[in-house]
Amino acid sequence: MATLEVLAQDRAGLLRDVMQVVAEAGKSALGSETRILGPIARIRLRLTVQDGERESLVQAIKSVKSVQEVRWV
C-alpha cells in the first residue's frame, strides 16, 4: 500500500475528478483524506499499486484541472 499526495487549487469537484482518474486507471482508494490549506487543497489517497503503475497514475492525475503537484509520500 502506498500514499499518493495531490496538491491543487481548491475548487468544487476536485476530489471527484481525482477519484475518477484513479478509477479509470483501474484502481480504488483504500482511504482518503482531504485538507484545505488556504487556497490549496491537499488530498491523500491510500492505494495498492505496483511499482510500474506509479508513474502513469501520477501523470494521469496531473492532467486534472488545477492540480499543481502529485507525489508519493
C-alpha atoms as a PDB file:
ATOM      1  CA  MET A   1       0.000   0.000   0.000  1.00  0.00           C
ATOM      2  CA  ALA A   2       1.237   3.499  -0.812  1.00  0.00           C
ATOM      3  CA  THR A   3       0.047   7.034  -0.162  1.00  0.00           C
ATOM      4  CA  LEU A   4      -0.348   9.483  -3.024  1.00  0.00           C
ATOM      5  CA  GLU A   5      -0.485  13.188  -2.192  1.00  0.00           C
ATOM      6  CA  VAL A   6      -2.151  15.659  -4.559  1.00  0.00           C
ATOM      7  CA  LEU A   7      -1.819  19.435  -4.124  1.00  0.00           C
ATOM      8  CA  ALA A   8      -4.186  21.599  -6.138  1.00  0.00           C
ATOM      9  CA  GLN A   9      -6.073  24.873  -6.157  1.00  0.00           C
ATOM     10  CA  ASP A  10      -9.191  24.219  -4.096  1.00  0.00           C
ATOM     11  CA  ARG A  11     -12.343  24.042  -6.219  1.00  0.00           C
ATOM     12  CA  ALA A  12     -15.683  22.296  -6.266  1.00  0.00           C
ATOM     13  CA  GLY A  13     -15.438  18.814  -7.747  1.00  0.00           C
ATOM     14  CA  LEU A  14     -11.680  18.418  -7.264  1.00  0.00           C
ATOM     15  CA  LEU A  15     -11.864  15.213  -5.205  1.00  0.00           C
ATOM     16  CA  ARG A  16     -14.460  13.741  -7.570  1.00  0.00           C
ATOM     17  CA  ASP A  17     -12.237  14.461 -10.587  1.00  0.00           C
ATOM     18  CA  VAL A  18      -9.158  12.939  -8.945  1.00  0.00           C
ATOM     19  CA  MET A  19     -11.099   9.842  -7.885  1.00  0.00           C
ATOM     20  CA  GLN A  20     -12.475   9.443 -11.415  1.00  0.00           C
ATOM     21  CA  VAL A  21      -8.933   9.382 -12.845  1.00  0.00           C
ATOM     22  CA  VAL A  22      -7.919   6.807 -10.219  1.00  0.00           C
ATOM     23  CA  ALA A  23     -10.936   4.654 -11.144  1.00  0.00           C
ATOM     24  CA  GLU A  24     -10.159   4.955 -14.869  1.00  0.00           C
ATOM     25  CA  ALA A  25      -6.679   3.617 -14.075  1.00  0.00           C
ATOM     26  CA  GLY A  26      -8.373   0.542 -12.606  1.00  0.00           C
ATOM     27  CA  LYS A  27      -7.593   1.443  -9.007  1.00  0.00           C
ATOM     28  CA  SER A  28      -9.712   2.229  -5.990  1.00  0.00           C
ATOM     29  CA  ALA A  29      -8.651   4.187  -2.938  1.00  0.00           C
ATOM     30  CA  LEU A  30      -8.500   2.221   0.291  1.00  0.00           C
ATOM     31  CA  GLY A  31      -8.862   5.516   2.126  1.00  0.00           C
ATOM     32  CA  SER A  32      -8.632   9.246   1.552  1.00  0.00           C
ATOM     33  CA  GLU A  33      -8.033  12.425   3.496  1.00  0.00           C
ATOM     34  CA  THR A  34      -8.652  15.958   2.263  1.00  0.00           C
ATOM     35  CA  ARG A  35      -7.388  19.108   3.927  1.00  0.00           C
ATOM     36  CA  ILE A  36      -7.867  22.682   2.832  1.00  0.00           C
ATOM     37  CA  LEU A  37      -4.737  24.771   3.368  1.00  0.00           C
ATOM     38  CA  GLY A  38      -5.912  28.269   2.401  1.00  0.00           C
ATOM     39  CA  PRO A  39      -6.358  28.314  -1.378  1.00  0.00           C
ATOM     40  CA  ILE A  40      -4.661  24.919  -1.707  1.00  0.00           C
ATOM     41  CA  ALA A  41      -6.301  21.540  -1.177  1.00  0.00           C
ATOM     42  CA  ARG A  42      -4.242  18.520  -0.146  1.00  0.00           C
ATOM     43  CA  ILE A  43      -5.684  15.122  -0.958  1.00  0.00           C
ATOM     44  CA  ARG A  44      -4.004  11.975   0.317  1.00  0.00           C
ATOM     45  CA  LEU A  45      -5.095   8.657  -1.163  1.00  0.00           C
ATOM     46  CA  ARG A  46      -4.092   5.227   0.105  1.00  0.00           C
ATOM     47  CA  LEU A  47      -3.784   2.886  -2.851  1.00  0.00           C
ATOM     48  CA  THR A  48      -2.474  -0.562  -3.664  1.00  0.00           C
ATOM     49  CA  VAL A  49      -0.253  -0.160  -6.732  1.00  0.00           C
ATOM     50  CA  GLN A  50       2.637  -1.957  -8.378  1.00  0.00           C
ATOM     51  CA  ASP A  51       5.897  -0.055  -8.872  1.00  0.00           C
ATOM     52  CA  GLY A  52       5.364   0.045 -12.636  1.00  0.00           C
ATOM     53  CA  GLU A  53       1.951   1.702 -12.231  1.00  0.00           C
ATOM     54  CA  ARG A  54       3.050   4.621 -10.086  1.00  0.00           C
ATOM     55  CA  GLU A  55       4.376   6.984 -12.747  1.00  0.00           C
ATOM     56  CA  SER A  56       1.431   6.504 -15.121  1.00  0.00           C
ATOM     57  CA  LEU A  57      -1.003   7.234 -12.282  1.00  0.00           C
ATOM     58  CA  VAL A  58       0.929  10.393 -11.338  1.00  0.00           C
ATOM     59  CA  GLN A  59       0.844  11.606 -14.946  1.00  0.00           C
ATOM     60  CA  ALA A  60      -2.891  10.908 -15.250  1.00  0.00           C
ATOM     61  CA  ILE A  61      -3.692  12.849 -12.060  1.00  0.00           C
ATOM     62  CA  LYS A  62      -1.509  15.769 -13.181  1.00  0.00           C
ATOM     63  CA  SER A  63      -3.921  16.171 -16.110  1.00  0.00           C
ATOM     64  CA  VAL A  64      -6.800  17.030 -13.720  1.00  0.00           C
ATOM     65  CA  LYS A  65      -7.713  20.717 -13.804  1.00  0.00           C
ATOM     66  CA  SER A  66      -5.977  22.828 -11.089  1.00  0.00           C
ATOM     67  CA  VAL A  67      -3.614  20.045  -9.911  1.00  0.00           C
ATOM     68  CA  GLN A  68      -0.218  21.544  -9.153  1.00  0.00           C
ATOM     69  CA  GLU A  69       1.783  18.672  -7.681  1.00  0.00           C
ATOM     70  CA  VAL A  70       1.452  14.909  -7.298  1.00  0.00           C
ATOM     71  CA  ARG A  71       3.885  12.810  -5.268  1.00  0.00           C
ATOM     72  CA  TRP A  72       4.186   9.533  -3.397  1.00  0.00           C
ATOM     73  CA  VAL A  73       4.732  10.021   0.343  1.00  0.00           C
END
